Amino acid sequence: MRLFWAGLIFGAGYALGRPEGRAKLAELSKRPEVTQLRQRAVSTVSSGAKTGQQQLANAAHTVKDKASEKLTSKTTSSSDTVVQPAGARRGLRLPRPSPRRSTAGFDVDRSSAA
């Protein structure tokens, strides 16, 4: 099946690379069905983007509420200030790069390389 799709993609690329193929594509793109499908695709994508933004906002709000609940439960009743734990960091942590692999066991002579 992969070979079929590779052949189909190759054939489409070949056809679109030729002047006759580009002219045929321009002709087909002006048809009313294609315009209608393009408009449907745009509306589907925009509604999906709006839904995604709403879900992200809801998730961020939920996380913020849970974090504030944890902080308020950790504060003492005598003071109104929020105390962070000793090892706490603000913001998001960036992923650390993996350590470089050791060249132990290999004889690497860098003094002669110039």
Protein backbone atom coordinates (compact mmCIF):
# COMPACT_ATOMS: atom_id res chain seq x y z
CA MET A 1 0.00 0.00 0.00
CA ARG A 2 2.88 2.35 0.77
CA LEU A 3 4.32 1.70 -2.67
CA PHE A 4 0.97 2.62 -4.21
CA TRP A 5 0.84 5.93 -2.34
CA ALA A 6 4.47 6.69 -3.21
CA GLY A 7 3.69 6.07 -6.88
CA LEU A 8 0.58 8.21 -6.70
CA ILE A 9 2.46 11.10 -5.10
CA PHE A 10 5.28 10.76 -7.61
CA GLY A 11 2.80 10.77 -10.51
CA ALA A 12 0.98 13.82 -9.15
CA GLY A 13 4.27 15.65 -8.74
CA TYR A 14 5.26 14.78 -12.28
CA ALA A 15 1.91 15.89 -13.70
CA LEU A 16 1.96 19.18 -11.78
CA GLY A 17 5.54 19.82 -12.80
CA ARG A 18 4.60 19.94 -16.47
CA PRO A 19 2.95 23.05 -18.00
CA GLU A 20 -0.08 21.06 -19.20
CA GLY A 21 -0.63 19.68 -15.70
CA ARG A 22 -0.47 23.13 -14.09
CA ALA A 23 -2.95 24.49 -16.66
CA LYS A 24 -5.35 21.62 -15.98
CA LEU A 25 -5.07 22.21 -12.22
CA ALA A 26 -5.84 25.92 -12.67
CA GLU A 27 -8.86 24.99 -14.77
CA LEU A 28 -10.14 22.49 -12.20
CA SER A 29 -9.64 24.89 -9.27
CA LYS A 30 -12.09 27.36 -10.86
CA ARG A 31 -14.97 24.87 -10.82
CA PRO A 32 -17.82 25.64 -8.39
CA GLU A 33 -17.53 22.28 -6.57
CA VAL A 34 -13.90 22.98 -5.73
CA THR A 35 -14.73 26.47 -4.46
CA GLN A 36 -17.52 25.03 -2.31
CA LEU A 37 -15.24 22.35 -0.87
CA ARG A 38 -12.55 24.95 -0.17
CA GLN A 39 -15.05 27.09 1.78
CA ARG A 40 -16.21 24.07 3.77
CA ALA A 41 -12.64 23.17 4.63
CA VAL A 42 -11.90 26.73 5.78
CA SER A 43 -14.98 26.82 8.02
CA THR A 44 -14.15 23.39 9.47
CA VAL A 45 -10.58 24.43 10.27
CA SER A 46 -11.64 27.74 11.82
CA SER A 47 -14.27 26.07 14.02
CA GLY A 48 -11.69 23.46 15.06
CA ALA A 49 -9.24 26.20 15.97
CA LYS A 50 -11.87 28.00 18.08
CA THR A 51 -12.74 24.76 19.86
CA GLY A 52 -9.06 24.11 20.53
CA GLN A 53 -8.59 27.59 21.97
CA GLN A 54 -11.57 27.13 24.26
CA GLN A 55 -10.30 23.76 25.47
CA LEU A 56 -6.86 25.24 26.10
CA ALA A 57 -8.33 28.15 28.06
CA ASN A 58 -10.46 25.77 30.15
CA ALA A 59 -7.50 23.50 30.85
CA ALA A 60 -5.29 26.46 31.82
CA HIS A 61 -8.00 27.76 34.13
CA THR A 62 -8.38 24.33 35.76
CA VAL A 63 -4.63 24.04 36.32
CA LYS A 64 -4.49 27.56 37.75
CA ASP A 65 -7.36 26.79 40.14
CA LYS A 66 -5.74 23.56 41.33
CA ALA A 67 -2.40 25.32 41.87
CA SER A 68 -4.01 28.12 43.85
CA GLU A 69 -5.86 25.55 45.97
CA LYS A 70 -2.59 23.79 46.77
CA LEU A 71 -0.89 27.07 47.66
CA THR A 72 -3.73 28.21 49.89
CA SER A 73 -3.72 24.88 51.73
CA LYS A 74 0.04 25.23 52.38
CA THR A 75 -0.12 28.75 53.80
CA THR A 76 -0.30 29.26 57.51
CA SER A 77 -3.39 30.73 59.09
CA SER A 78 -1.41 33.49 60.88
CA SER A 79 -0.06 35.17 57.75
CA ASP A 80 -1.77 36.25 54.54
CA THR A 81 1.30 35.88 52.31
CA VAL A 82 1.89 32.90 50.09
CA VAL A 83 5.07 31.02 50.96
CA GLN A 84 6.71 28.97 48.25
CA PRO A 85 8.60 25.80 49.15
CA ALA A 86 12.39 26.07 49.22
CA GLY A 87 12.99 24.20 45.95
CA ALA A 88 10.06 25.67 44.00
CA ARG A 89 10.66 27.39 40.68
CA ARG A 90 8.36 29.80 38.94
CA GLY A 91 7.20 29.13 35.40
CA LEU A 92 7.73 26.11 33.24
CA ARG A 93 10.88 24.07 33.20
CA LEU A 94 12.64 23.56 29.91
CA PRO A 95 13.73 20.05 29.01
CA ARG A 96 17.34 19.33 29.71
CA PRO A 97 19.49 18.06 26.85
CA SER A 98 20.66 14.51 27.22
CA PRO A 99 24.25 14.16 28.44
CA ARG A 100 26.87 13.65 25.79
CA ARG A 101 28.06 10.14 25.34
CA SER A 102 31.38 9.40 26.87
CA THR A 103 34.36 8.60 24.67
CA ALA A 104 35.79 6.40 27.42
CA GLY A 105 37.43 3.36 25.97
CA PHE A 106 38.34 5.08 22.71
CA ASP A 107 41.82 6.40 22.12
CA VAL A 108 41.24 9.88 20.79
CA ASP A 109 44.39 11.84 20.18
CA ARG A 110 43.39 15.46 19.67
CA SER A 111 46.85 16.92 20.07
CA SER A 112 47.99 15.91 16.59
CA ALA A 113 44.79 17.07 14.88
CA ALA A 114 45.07 20.65 13.75
